[in-house]
C-alpha atoms as a PDB file:
ATOM      1  CA  MET A   1      -0.708 -21.961  19.539  1.00  0.00           C
ATOM      2  CA  GLN A   2      -2.726 -24.024  17.027  1.00  0.00           C
ATOM      3  CA  ASP A   3      -5.430 -24.446  19.215  1.00  0.00           C
ATOM      4  CA  MET A   4      -5.746 -21.065  20.709  1.00  0.00           C
ATOM      5  CA  MET A   5      -5.725 -19.852  16.994  1.00  0.00           C
ATOM      6  CA  THR A   6      -8.804 -21.799  15.959  1.00  0.00           C
ATOM      7  CA  THR A   7     -10.633 -21.036  19.132  1.00  0.00           C
ATOM      8  CA  LEU A   8     -10.317 -17.448  18.342  1.00  0.00           C
ATOM      9  CA  GLU A   9     -10.448 -17.581  14.556  1.00  0.00           C
ATOM     10  CA  LYS A  10     -14.351 -19.757  15.169  1.00  0.00           C
ATOM     11  CA  ALA A  11     -14.938 -16.904  17.753  1.00  0.00           C
ATOM     12  CA  TYR A  12     -14.412 -14.033  15.017  1.00  0.00           C
ATOM     13  CA  ASP A  13     -15.120 -15.507  12.357  1.00  0.00           C
ATOM     14  CA  TYR A  14     -12.318 -14.652  10.920  1.00  0.00           C
ATOM     15  CA  PRO A  15      -8.457 -15.310  11.108  1.00  0.00           C
ATOM     16  CA  VAL A  16      -6.543 -13.477  14.072  1.00  0.00           C
ATOM     17  CA  ASP A  17      -3.904 -11.933  14.726  1.00  0.00           C
ATOM     18  CA  ILE A  18      -2.497 -12.536  18.456  1.00  0.00           C
ATOM     19  CA  GLU A  19       0.265 -10.852  20.794  1.00  0.00           C
ATOM     20  CA  PHE A  20       2.044 -13.558  23.555  1.00  0.00           C
ATOM     21  CA  THR A  21       4.273 -14.290  26.072  1.00  0.00           C
ATOM     22  CA  ILE A  22       6.123 -17.534  26.758  1.00  0.00           C
ATOM     23  CA  ASN A  23       7.674 -17.462  30.590  1.00  0.00           C
ATOM     24  CA  PHE A  24       9.343 -20.811  31.764  1.00  0.00           C
ATOM     25  CA  SER A  25       9.122 -21.798  35.392  1.00  0.00           C
ATOM     26  CA  LYS A  26      11.905 -23.271  37.520  1.00  0.00           C
ATOM     27  CA  ASP A  27      11.125 -26.948  36.508  1.00  0.00           C
ATOM     28  CA  ASN A  28      11.512 -25.588  32.427  1.00  0.00           C
ATOM     29  CA  LYS A  29       7.428 -26.144  32.093  1.00  0.00           C
ATOM     30  CA  MET A  30       6.071 -23.451  29.642  1.00  0.00           C
ATOM     31  CA  HIS A  31       3.113 -21.139  30.310  1.00  0.00           C
ATOM     32  CA  ILE A  32       1.699 -18.730  27.353  1.00  0.00           C
ATOM     33  CA  ASN A  33      -0.042 -15.627  28.380  1.00  0.00           C
ATOM     34  CA  LEU A  34      -2.559 -14.298  25.448  1.00  0.00           C
ATOM     35  CA  LEU A  35      -2.003 -10.413  25.748  1.00  0.00           C
ATOM     36  CA  GLN A  36      -4.267  -9.095  22.897  1.00  0.00           C
ATOM     37  CA  CYS A  37      -5.527 -10.556  19.446  1.00  0.00           C
ATOM     38  CA  ARG A  38      -7.422  -8.791  16.604  1.00  0.00           C
ATOM     39  CA  PRO A  39      -9.470 -10.322  13.711  1.00  0.00           C
ATOM     40  CA  LEU A  40      -7.563 -10.299  10.437  1.00  0.00           C
ATOM     41  CA  GLN A  41     -10.570  -9.103   7.814  1.00  0.00           C
ATOM     42  CA  THR A  42      -9.674  -8.922   4.350  1.00  0.00           C
ATOM     43  CA  LYS A  43     -12.094  -7.987   1.750  1.00  0.00           C
ATOM     44  CA  GLY A  44     -12.872 -10.886  -1.673  1.00  0.00           C
ATOM     45  CA  LEU A  45     -12.935 -13.778   0.414  1.00  0.00           C
ATOM     46  CA  GLU A  46     -15.838 -15.286  -1.193  1.00  0.00           C
ATOM     47  CA  LYS A  47     -15.612 -14.259  -5.123  1.00  0.00           C
ATOM     48  CA  SER A  48     -12.657 -15.269  -7.514  1.00  0.00           C
ATOM     49  CA  MET A  49     -11.195 -13.055 -10.275  1.00  0.00           C
ATOM     50  CA  GLU A  50     -10.366 -13.697 -13.787  1.00  0.00           C
ATOM     51  CA  ILE A  51      -6.655 -12.019 -14.666  1.00  0.00           C
ATOM     52  CA  PRO A  52      -6.899 -11.373 -18.243  1.00  0.00           C
ATOM     53  CA  ASN A  53      -3.655 -12.281 -19.738  1.00  0.00           C
ATOM     54  CA  ASP A  54      -4.283 -10.528 -23.036  1.00  0.00           C
ATOM     55  CA  ILE A  55      -3.059  -7.147 -22.336  1.00  0.00           C
ATOM     56  CA  PRO A  56      -0.082  -5.541 -23.993  1.00  0.00           C
ATOM     57  CA  ASN A  57       2.567  -4.752 -21.781  1.00  0.00           C
ATOM     58  CA  ASP A  58       2.819  -0.893 -22.565  1.00  0.00           C
ATOM     59  CA  ASN A  59      -0.941  -0.757 -21.040  1.00  0.00           C
ATOM     60  CA  ILE A  60       0.028  -2.143 -17.888  1.00  0.00           C
ATOM     61  CA  PHE A  61       1.057  -0.097 -15.326  1.00  0.00           C
ATOM     62  CA  PHE A  62       2.403  -3.025 -13.074  1.00  0.00           C
ATOM     63  CA  ALA A  63       2.007  -6.659 -12.519  1.00  0.00           C
ATOM     64  CA  SER A  64       3.209  -8.546  -9.294  1.00  0.00           C
ATOM     65  CA  ASN A  65       2.961 -12.432  -9.025  1.00  0.00           C
ATOM     66  CA  GLY A  66       2.522 -12.081  -4.901  1.00  0.00           C
ATOM     67  CA  ASN A  67       3.519  -9.052  -2.219  1.00  0.00           C
ATOM     68  CA  PHE A  68      -0.280  -8.079  -1.723  1.00  0.00           C
ATOM     69  CA  MET A  69      -3.002  -7.632   0.633  1.00  0.00           C
ATOM     70  CA  GLY A  70      -6.487  -6.983   0.253  1.00  0.00           C
ATOM     71  CA  GLY A  71      -8.090  -9.959  -1.185  1.00  0.00           C
ATOM     72  CA  ASN A  72      -8.941 -11.065  -4.373  1.00  0.00           C
ATOM     73  CA  ILE A  73     -10.834  -7.509  -6.162  1.00  0.00           C
ATOM     74  CA  CYS A  74     -11.723  -5.755  -9.464  1.00  0.00           C
ATOM     75  CA  GLN A  75     -11.697  -2.161  -8.901  1.00  0.00           C
ATOM     76  CA  HIS A  76     -11.559   0.919 -11.504  1.00  0.00           C
ATOM     77  CA  ILE A  77      -9.217   3.689 -10.133  1.00  0.00           C
ATOM     78  CA  ASP A  78      -9.832   7.382 -11.189  1.00  0.00           C
ATOM     79  CA  ARG A  79      -6.638   8.481  -9.903  1.00  0.00           C
ATOM     80  CA  ILE A  80      -2.792   7.694  -9.349  1.00  0.00           C
ATOM     81  CA  VAL A  81      -0.979   9.947  -7.188  1.00  0.00           C
ATOM     82  CA  TYR A  82       2.688   8.599  -8.168  1.00  0.00           C
ATOM     83  CA  ILE A  83       5.735  10.040  -6.382  1.00  0.00           C
ATOM     84  CA  ASP A  84       8.710   9.742  -8.822  1.00  0.00           C
ATOM     85  CA  PRO A  85      11.879   7.871  -6.986  1.00  0.00           C
ATOM     86  CA  VAL A  86      14.640   9.440  -8.485  1.00  0.00           C
ATOM     87  CA  GLU A  87      13.853  13.381  -7.959  1.00  0.00           C
ATOM     88  CA  TYR A  88      12.047  12.473  -4.708  1.00  0.00           C
ATOM     89  CA  SER A  89      15.827  10.533  -3.009  1.00  0.00           C
ATOM     90  CA  LYS A  90      17.552  14.442  -4.546  1.00  0.00           C
ATOM     91  CA  LEU A  91      15.386  16.113  -1.523  1.00  0.00           C
ATOM     92  CA  SER A  92      16.639  16.998   1.595  1.00  0.00           C
ATOM     93  CA  GLU A  93      15.098  15.874   4.750  1.00  0.00           C
ATOM     94  CA  THR A  94      12.678  18.853   5.204  1.00  0.00           C
ATOM     95  CA  ASP A  95      11.432  19.111   1.673  1.00  0.00           C
ATOM     96  CA  LYS A  96      10.619  14.805   2.063  1.00  0.00           C
ATOM     97  CA  TYR A  97       8.652  16.252   4.836  1.00  0.00           C
ATOM     98  CA  GLU A  98       7.209  18.768   2.679  1.00  0.00           C
ATOM     99  CA  ILE A  99       6.383  16.094   0.093  1.00  0.00           C
ATOM    100  CA  ALA A 100       4.579  13.953   2.694  1.00  0.00           C
ATOM    101  CA  ARG A 101       1.947  16.781   3.790  1.00  0.00           C
ATOM    102  CA  THR A 102       1.447  17.585   0.587  1.00  0.00           C
ATOM    103  CA  ILE A 103       0.496  14.219  -0.210  1.00  0.00           C
ATOM    104  CA  GLY A 104      -2.185  14.460   2.691  1.00  0.00           C
ATOM    105  CA  LYS A 105      -3.884  17.544   1.106  1.00  0.00           C
ATOM    106  CA  ILE A 106      -4.009  15.312  -2.308  1.00  0.00           C
ATOM    107  CA  THR A 107      -6.122  12.746  -0.601  1.00  0.00           C
ATOM    108  CA  LYS A 108      -8.454  15.049   1.464  1.00  0.00           C
ATOM    109  CA  LEU A 109      -9.435  16.456  -1.662  1.00  0.00           C
ATOM    110  CA  TYR A 110     -11.424  13.070  -1.837  1.00  0.00           C
ATOM    111  CA  ASN A 111     -12.908  13.303   1.483  1.00  0.00           C
ATOM    112  CA  ASN A 112     -16.391  14.075   0.523  1.00  0.00           C
ATOM    113  CA  ASP A 113     -16.521  11.894  -2.398  1.00  0.00           C
ATOM    114  CA  LYS A 114     -16.376   8.365  -1.610  1.00  0.00           C
ATOM    115  CA  GLU A 115     -17.274   6.471  -4.898  1.00  0.00           C
ATOM    116  CA  LYS A 116     -13.477   8.316  -6.190  1.00  0.00           C
ATOM    117  CA  HIS A 117     -10.628   5.263  -6.171  1.00  0.00           C
ATOM    118  CA  LEU A 118      -7.533   6.947  -5.311  1.00  0.00           C
ATOM    119  CA  LEU A 119      -4.337   4.813  -6.119  1.00  0.00           C
ATOM    120  CA  LEU A 120      -0.998   5.972  -4.308  1.00  0.00           C
ATOM    121  CA  MET A 121       2.970   4.439  -5.191  1.00  0.00           C
ATOM    122  CA  GLY A 122       5.922   5.769  -4.055  1.00  0.00           C
ATOM    123  CA  PRO A 123       9.179   4.676  -3.036  1.00  0.00           C
ATOM    124  CA  GLY A 124      10.249   2.483  -0.020  1.00  0.00           C
ATOM    125  CA  ARG A 125       8.173   2.256   3.083  1.00  0.00           C
ATOM    126  CA  TRP A 126       4.858   4.526   3.647  1.00  0.00           C
ATOM    127  CA  GLY A 127       4.185   5.908   7.046  1.00  0.00           C
ATOM    128  CA  THR A 128       7.999   5.075   8.122  1.00  0.00           C
ATOM    129  CA  SER A 129      10.053   7.079  11.188  1.00  0.00           C
ATOM    130  CA  THR A 130      13.230   6.691   9.175  1.00  0.00           C
ATOM    131  CA  ILE A 131      12.999   9.449   6.350  1.00  0.00           C
ATOM    132  CA  SER A 132      15.965   7.987   4.274  1.00  0.00           C
ATOM    133  CA  LEU A 133      13.361   4.648   4.062  1.00  0.00           C
ATOM    134  CA  GLY A 134      10.344   5.900   2.502  1.00  0.00           C
ATOM    135  CA  ILE A 135       7.812   8.287   2.240  1.00  0.00           C
ATOM    136  CA  PRO A 136       6.700  10.061   6.454  1.00  0.00           C
ATOM    137  CA  VAL A 137       3.162  10.671   6.102  1.00  0.00           C
ATOM    138  CA  SER A 138       0.959   9.905   9.172  1.00  0.00           C
ATOM    139  CA  PHE A 139      -1.658   7.257   8.542  1.00  0.00           C
ATOM    140  CA  SER A 140      -4.643   9.828   8.426  1.00  0.00           C
ATOM    141  CA  GLU A 141      -2.924  11.610   6.105  1.00  0.00           C
ATOM    142  CA  ILE A 142      -3.508   8.473   3.585  1.00  0.00           C
ATOM    143  CA  SER A 143      -6.081   6.795   5.310  1.00  0.00           C
ATOM    144  CA  ASN A 144      -8.992   7.937   2.690  1.00  0.00           C
ATOM    145  CA  ILE A 145      -6.955   6.307  -0.528  1.00  0.00           C
ATOM    146  CA  SER A 146      -8.115   2.531  -1.867  1.00  0.00           C
ATOM    147  CA  ILE A 147      -4.480   1.163  -3.094  1.00  0.00           C
ATOM    148  CA  LEU A 148      -1.218   1.563  -1.795  1.00  0.00           C
ATOM    149  CA  CYS A 149       1.544   0.617  -3.411  1.00  0.00           C
ATOM    150  CA  GLU A 150       5.027   0.626  -2.055  1.00  0.00           C
ATOM    151  CA  ARG A 151       7.737   0.293  -5.180  1.00  0.00           C
ATOM    152  CA  SER A 152      11.767  -0.527  -4.636  1.00  0.00           C
ATOM    153  CA  PHE A 153      14.350   1.609  -5.280  1.00  0.00           C
ATOM    154  CA  ASN A 154      17.549   0.274  -4.973  1.00  0.00           C
ATOM    155  CA  ALA A 155      19.565   2.824  -5.980  1.00  0.00           C
ATOM    156  CA  GLY A 156      17.917   4.985  -3.409  1.00  0.00           C
ATOM    157  CA  GLY A 157      18.487   2.482  -1.103  1.00  0.00           C
ATOM    158  CA  MET A 158      14.839   1.975  -0.678  1.00  0.00           C
ATOM    159  CA  SER A 159      12.491  -0.776   0.017  1.00  0.00           C
ATOM    160  CA  PRO A 160       8.849  -2.324   0.965  1.00  0.00           C
ATOM    161  CA  GLU A 161       9.062  -3.203   4.398  1.00  0.00           C
ATOM    162  CA  LEU A 162       6.181  -6.391   4.537  1.00  0.00           C
ATOM    163  CA  SER A 163       5.583  -5.861   8.138  1.00  0.00           C
ATOM    164  CA  TYR A 164       2.151  -7.740   7.340  1.00  0.00           C
ATOM    165  CA  GLY A 165       1.335  -7.787  11.540  1.00  0.00           C
ATOM    166  CA  SER A 166       2.380  -4.072  12.321  1.00  0.00           C
ATOM    167  CA  HIS A 167      -0.391  -2.021  13.417  1.00  0.00           C
ATOM    168  CA  PHE A 168      -0.051  -0.029  10.090  1.00  0.00           C
ATOM    169  CA  PHE A 169      -0.781  -2.593   7.894  1.00  0.00           C
ATOM    170  CA  GLN A 170      -3.535  -3.937  10.361  1.00  0.00           C
ATOM    171  CA  ASP A 171      -4.986  -0.190   9.778  1.00  0.00           C
ATOM    172  CA  LEU A 172      -4.756  -0.682   5.803  1.00  0.00           C
ATOM    173  CA  VAL A 173      -6.809  -3.818   6.172  1.00  0.00           C
ATOM    174  CA  GLU A 174      -9.304  -2.783   8.784  1.00  0.00           C
ATOM    175  CA  ASP A 175     -10.017   0.788   6.265  1.00  0.00           C
ATOM    176  CA  ASP A 176     -10.419  -1.530   3.384  1.00  0.00           C
ATOM    177  CA  ILE A 177      -7.043  -0.284   1.495  1.00  0.00           C
ATOM    178  CA  PHE A 178      -5.683  -2.891  -0.813  1.00  0.00           C
ATOM    179  CA  TYR A 179      -1.972  -3.580  -0.705  1.00  0.00           C
ATOM    180  CA  ALA A 180       1.074  -4.384  -3.363  1.00  0.00           C
ATOM    181  CA  ALA A 181       5.096  -4.249  -3.208  1.00  0.00           C
ATOM    182  CA  VAL A 182       6.468  -3.731  -6.511  1.00  0.00           C
ATOM    183  CA  PHE A 183       9.987  -5.106  -6.211  1.00  0.00           C
ATOM    184  CA  ALA A 184      10.513  -3.539  -9.358  1.00  0.00           C
ATOM    185  CA  GLU A 185      14.260  -5.120 -10.449  1.00  0.00           C
ATOM    186  CA  ASN A 186      12.377  -8.540  -9.989  1.00  0.00           C
ATOM    187  CA  GLU A 187      11.942 -10.330 -13.686  1.00  0.00           C
ATOM    188  CA  ASP A 188       8.771 -11.647 -13.064  1.00  0.00           C
ATOM    189  CA  VAL A 189       7.262  -8.259 -11.930  1.00  0.00           C
ATOM    190  CA  ILE A 190       6.039  -5.144 -15.015  1.00  0.00           C
ATOM    191  CA  LEU A 191       6.403  -1.328 -13.379  1.00  0.00           C
ATOM    192  CA  ASN A 192       6.372   0.455 -16.827  1.00  0.00           C
ATOM    193  CA  GLU A 193       7.034   4.600 -15.218  1.00  0.00           C
ATOM    194  CA  LYS A 194       5.658   5.234 -18.980  1.00  0.00           C
ATOM    195  CA  PHE A 195       2.335   4.666 -18.136  1.00  0.00           C
ATOM    196  CA  ILE A 196       2.880   7.668 -15.916  1.00  0.00           C
ATOM    197  CA  GLU A 197       4.464   9.961 -18.722  1.00  0.00           C
ATOM    198  CA  ASN A 198       2.293   9.438 -21.490  1.00  0.00           C
ATOM    199  CA  GLU A 199      -0.480  11.198 -19.189  1.00  0.00           C
ATOM    200  CA  LYS A 200      -0.891  14.857 -18.319  1.00  0.00           C
ATOM    201  CA  ASN A 201       0.382  15.634 -14.471  1.00  0.00           C
ATOM    202  CA  ILE A 202      -2.840  17.460 -12.938  1.00  0.00           C
ATOM    203  CA  ILE A 203      -1.480  18.530  -9.874  1.00  0.00           C
ATOM    204  CA  VAL A 204      -1.102  22.209 -10.467  1.00  0.00           C
ATOM    205  CA  GLU A 205      -4.915  22.066 -11.229  1.00  0.00           C
ATOM    206  CA  ILE A 206      -5.996  20.412  -8.094  1.00  0.00           C
ATOM    207  CA  LEU A 207      -3.325  21.939  -5.875  1.00  0.00           C
ATOM    208  CA  PRO A 208      -1.679  25.035  -6.986  1.00  0.00           C
ATOM    209  CA  GLU A 209       0.621  25.122  -4.404  1.00  0.00           C
ATOM    210  CA  ALA A 210       2.166  22.139  -5.109  1.00  0.00           C
ATOM    211  CA  MET A 211       3.752  23.284  -8.205  1.00  0.00           C
ATOM    212  CA  LYS A 212       7.133  23.108  -6.523  1.00  0.00           C
ATOM    213  CA  PHE A 213       6.903  19.514  -6.773  1.00  0.00           C
ATOM    214  CA  SER A 214       5.009  18.798 -10.174  1.00  0.00           C
ATOM    215  CA  ASP A 215       8.538  17.335 -11.073  1.00  0.00           C
ATOM    216  CA  ILE A 216       8.243  15.140  -8.433  1.00  0.00           C
ATOM    217  CA  ILE A 217       4.606  14.451  -7.729  1.00  0.00           C
ATOM    218  CA  LYS A 218       2.617  13.294 -10.582  1.00  0.00           C
ATOM    219  CA  VAL A 219      -1.002  12.870 -10.415  1.00  0.00           C
ATOM    220  CA  ILE A 220      -3.164  11.727 -13.600  1.00  0.00           C
ATOM    221  CA  GLU A 221      -6.330  10.460 -14.478  1.00  0.00           C
ATOM    222  CA  PRO A 222      -5.985   7.544 -16.176  1.00  0.00           C
ATOM    223  CA  ASN A 223      -9.245   6.420 -18.587  1.00  0.00           C
ATOM    224  CA  GLY A 224     -10.880   3.175 -18.433  1.00  0.00           C
ATOM    225  CA  THR A 225      -8.065   1.890 -15.554  1.00  0.00           C
ATOM    226  CA  GLN A 226      -8.435  -1.088 -13.370  1.00  0.00           C
ATOM    227  CA  ILE A 227      -6.809  -3.348 -10.901  1.00  0.00           C
ATOM    228  CA  ILE A 228      -7.555  -6.749 -10.575  1.00  0.00           C
ATOM    229  CA  SER A 229      -6.116  -9.501  -8.054  1.00  0.00           C
ATOM    230  CA  ASN A 230      -6.564 -12.690  -7.753  1.00  0.00           C
ATOM    231  CA  VAL A 231      -5.536 -14.863  -4.112  1.00  0.00           C
ATOM    232  CA  VAL A 232      -5.101 -18.222  -5.093  1.00  0.00           C
ATOM    233  CA  SER A 233      -3.248 -17.606  -8.417  1.00  0.00           C
END
């Protein structure tokens, strides 16, 4: 297995994700078949980022030690789309599907502006087919965002699903979308929801038809906000 992975990594010039089968003969000899492979491309492999340690917690939206994917980055954020977990968990299944479609409409507003960086955060799993576990968006509805965050919400039974080998996660990597799981209950995690509450919600201004969900979907434009990650530290 190690020889095979090393050979493929050298050929692709990246680490690879593989699918394989193992069959055993009558005399119990093992035979491995490589079914498919794909390169695990990540941005920020070469540059190192320094994370400042003197920022007051009130000025931090979220911070996590680990549980992220996308390499070393330092990127400004133009807008944050935040789904309130308490209000979202109260919705009917029909409304939860409508929330997903509404998020798709919001992200499509940025299709023609590649310079705008959008951060999307919501409870549980993005792209889930089990609606009680998260938000049932399709990948095409969020494919033009820059950062995707899944936050835990234990009261609602929703938690991030770190299936790094799944096609959904590979789609994120290949579309250059940074991913972070924010386990709000962990002691070493900061999730400052007042950061969202203190900013003006502009959802009705940019999408008037979403007024009915203005208490659930918050769209803010935080001034001078960045996301910084360092893989090594």
